[in-house]
Amino acid sequence: MTFSSRPLSNASVASFAFAIVGVVLLGLVAGGCEDKHIGRVCGLDTSDGGATGTGTTAEFNGEAVECPTRICLLPAGDKQPGIGPLCTAGCSSDDDCSDGETSSAKTQCHTGFTCMVATTVGSFCCERLCVCRDFIDTTIKGYNATPVACKSGQTPPSTCQNVH
């Protein structure tokens, strides 16, 4: 193996530095936005469900391998024909749910997602999650407000382990 004893030109150094910066920026952009596949169809086939299937409580699978967050949700409320459980993720605002999958072959949600408390019982009680609006009457004022049961400092105190 032989090495050149010629010094590198400024143009060669600049080109090399530009290529390194480009690779670093590409890595930051690609790694900065994790696709949580909110809205992907998933299954509730586990005994770790958050509730019964009565339509008045949400059902969960906290071990759904088809969801990057492992959370599969069938919200409470009026079940729409042809819409079943969907992958979800924790959120703090509707912006966190804005990249949810809608109206495609991979999902069943057509009206987008909102950030709200899906249940006040079970292991996901009082956690804000991305919920498909197809399950919610969005004409009701405060439909995605935090339930009283999920607010700290209440009397009697909340029984939810997620309320601090």
Protein backbone atom coordinates (compact mmCIF):
# COMPACT_ATOMS: atom_id res chain seq x y z
CA MET A 1 0.00 0.00 0.00
CA THR A 2 1.32 3.42 -0.85
CA PHE A 3 0.26 6.82 0.32
CA SER A 4 0.57 10.01 -1.63
CA SER A 5 2.76 12.64 -0.11
CA ARG A 6 0.85 15.39 -1.93
CA PRO A 7 -1.14 17.66 0.33
CA LEU A 8 -4.88 17.72 -0.24
CA SER A 9 -6.20 20.77 -2.05
CA ASN A 10 -8.67 23.09 -0.35
CA ALA A 11 -11.32 21.97 -2.84
CA SER A 12 -10.81 18.31 -1.84
CA VAL A 13 -11.05 19.13 1.87
CA ALA A 14 -14.16 21.24 1.28
CA SER A 15 -15.81 18.48 -0.77
CA PHE A 16 -15.03 15.90 1.90
CA ALA A 17 -16.36 18.16 4.69
CA PHE A 18 -19.53 18.88 2.69
CA ALA A 19 -20.13 15.14 2.20
CA ILE A 20 -19.71 14.46 5.94
CA VAL A 21 -22.12 17.27 6.86
CA GLY A 22 -24.64 15.92 4.33
CA VAL A 23 -24.50 12.41 5.78
CA VAL A 24 -24.91 13.73 9.34
CA LEU A 25 -27.90 15.90 8.36
CA LEU A 26 -29.54 13.02 6.51
CA GLY A 27 -29.16 10.84 9.61
CA LEU A 28 -30.70 13.50 11.84
CA VAL A 29 -33.68 14.03 9.53
CA ALA A 30 -34.31 10.30 9.07
CA GLY A 31 -34.04 9.55 12.77
CA GLY A 32 -35.91 12.60 14.05
CA CYS A 33 -39.45 11.55 13.17
CA GLU A 34 -40.51 8.16 14.40
CA ASP A 35 -43.55 6.75 12.60
CA LYS A 36 -45.78 5.39 15.36
CA HIS A 37 -48.27 4.01 12.81
CA ILE A 38 -51.19 5.61 14.59
CA GLY A 39 -54.28 4.19 12.89
CA ARG A 40 -52.79 0.89 11.75
CA VAL A 41 -55.21 -2.03 12.21
CA CYS A 42 -54.29 -4.17 15.23
CA GLY A 43 -55.68 -6.97 17.38
CA LEU A 44 -57.08 -7.11 20.90
CA ASP A 45 -56.15 -10.77 21.31
CA THR A 46 -54.78 -10.56 24.85
CA SER A 47 -56.10 -10.93 28.36
CA ASP A 48 -54.51 -7.56 29.25
CA GLY A 49 -57.55 -5.64 27.98
CA GLY A 50 -58.53 -2.46 29.80
CA ALA A 51 -62.21 -3.26 29.92
CA THR A 52 -65.07 -5.32 28.62
CA GLY A 53 -66.57 -5.05 25.17
CA THR A 54 -69.82 -3.45 26.31
CA GLY A 55 -69.39 -0.30 24.25
CA THR A 56 -69.20 1.87 27.38
CA THR A 57 -65.51 1.31 28.07
CA ALA A 58 -62.44 1.22 25.90
CA GLU A 59 -60.59 -2.00 25.12
CA PHE A 60 -56.78 -2.16 25.00
CA ASN A 61 -53.99 -4.51 24.11
CA GLY A 62 -50.77 -3.26 25.70
CA GLU A 63 -48.73 -5.95 23.94
CA ALA A 64 -49.72 -5.42 20.30
CA VAL A 65 -46.64 -6.30 18.28
CA GLU A 66 -48.10 -4.71 15.15
CA CYS A 67 -47.96 -1.30 16.86
CA PRO A 68 -44.58 0.39 17.44
CA THR A 69 -45.92 1.72 20.76
CA ARG A 70 -47.41 -1.71 21.57
CA ILE A 71 -50.77 -0.01 22.32
CA CYS A 72 -53.84 -1.16 20.42
CA LEU A 73 -57.10 0.66 21.21
CA LEU A 74 -60.78 0.12 20.52
CA PRO A 75 -62.35 3.27 21.99
CA ALA A 76 -65.58 3.33 23.95
CA GLY A 77 -68.67 4.77 22.35
CA ASP A 78 -70.65 4.05 19.26
CA LYS A 79 -68.73 1.51 17.21
CA GLN A 80 -68.82 2.32 13.53
CA PRO A 81 -69.41 -0.57 11.11
CA GLY A 82 -66.16 -1.81 9.63
CA ILE A 83 -63.97 0.04 12.13
CA GLY A 84 -62.05 -1.99 14.65
CA PRO A 85 -59.11 -1.58 16.99
CA LEU A 86 -56.27 0.67 15.84
CA CYS A 87 -52.69 1.36 16.93
CA THR A 88 -52.35 4.44 19.09
CA ALA A 89 -49.69 6.42 20.93
CA GLY A 90 -49.42 8.75 23.89
CA CYS A 91 -49.91 12.43 23.14
CA SER A 92 -50.17 15.87 24.69
CA SER A 93 -52.01 17.67 21.86
CA ASP A 94 -53.79 16.97 18.56
CA ASP A 95 -50.55 17.86 16.77
CA ASP A 96 -49.01 14.66 18.17
CA CYS A 97 -51.75 12.69 16.35
CA SER A 98 -51.67 14.61 13.06
CA ASP A 99 -49.62 11.99 11.19
CA GLY A 100 -52.13 9.21 11.94
CA GLU A 101 -53.00 6.94 9.03
CA THR A 102 -56.42 7.75 7.57
CA SER A 103 -58.47 6.50 4.65
CA SER A 104 -56.00 4.01 3.25
CA ALA A 105 -55.83 0.26 2.82
CA LYS A 106 -53.82 0.06 6.05
CA THR A 107 -56.35 1.79 8.31
CA GLN A 108 -60.02 2.14 8.98
CA CYS A 109 -60.09 5.67 10.44
CA HIS A 110 -61.48 8.26 8.05
CA THR A 111 -61.82 11.50 10.06
CA GLY A 112 -58.39 11.74 11.69
CA PHE A 113 -57.26 11.55 15.30
CA THR A 114 -57.60 13.66 18.42
CA CYS A 115 -55.59 13.59 21.65
CA MET A 116 -57.80 12.65 24.58
CA VAL A 117 -58.21 10.42 27.63
CA ALA A 118 -59.65 7.16 26.30
CA THR A 119 -60.54 5.59 29.65
CA THR A 120 -60.68 6.32 33.37
CA VAL A 121 -60.20 2.68 34.44
CA GLY A 122 -57.54 0.01 33.92
CA SER A 123 -53.85 0.23 33.21
CA PHE A 124 -54.27 3.05 30.63
CA CYS A 125 -56.59 5.14 32.82
CA CYS A 126 -56.21 8.88 32.41
CA GLU A 127 -53.49 8.56 29.76
CA ARG A 128 -53.92 10.87 26.80
CA LEU A 129 -53.87 8.82 23.59
CA CYS A 130 -54.55 9.44 19.91
CA VAL A 131 -58.16 8.34 19.33
CA CYS A 132 -59.89 8.07 15.95
CA ARG A 133 -62.56 10.75 15.64
CA ASP A 134 -64.85 8.20 13.93
CA PHE A 135 -65.66 6.93 17.45
CA ILE A 136 -66.34 10.34 19.00
CA ASP A 137 -69.17 12.85 18.82
CA THR A 138 -66.98 15.87 18.12
CA THR A 139 -70.01 18.19 18.18
CA ILE A 140 -70.06 17.96 21.99
CA LYS A 141 -68.16 20.89 23.50
CA GLY A 142 -65.12 19.66 25.44
CA TYR A 143 -65.23 16.16 23.95
CA ASN A 144 -61.46 15.83 24.40
CA ALA A 145 -61.18 17.64 27.75
CA THR A 146 -59.52 15.86 30.67
CA PRO A 147 -62.18 14.06 32.75
CA VAL A 148 -62.61 15.17 36.37
CA ALA A 149 -61.56 11.67 37.49
CA CYS A 150 -58.15 12.31 35.93
CA LYS A 151 -57.39 15.60 37.65
CA SER A 152 -55.17 15.59 40.72
CA GLY A 153 -56.36 17.16 43.96
CA GLN A 154 -59.94 15.91 43.62
CA THR A 155 -62.09 14.83 46.56
CA PRO A 156 -62.35 11.90 46.76
CA PRO A 157 -58.91 11.30 45.22
CA SER A 158 -58.68 9.53 41.90
CA THR A 159 -58.22 5.76 41.98
CA CYS A 160 -56.28 5.84 38.71
CA GLN A 161 -52.62 4.93 39.17
CA ASN A 162 -51.67 7.39 36.39
CA VAL A 163 -52.95 10.46 38.26
CA HIS A 164 -50.26 12.07 40.39
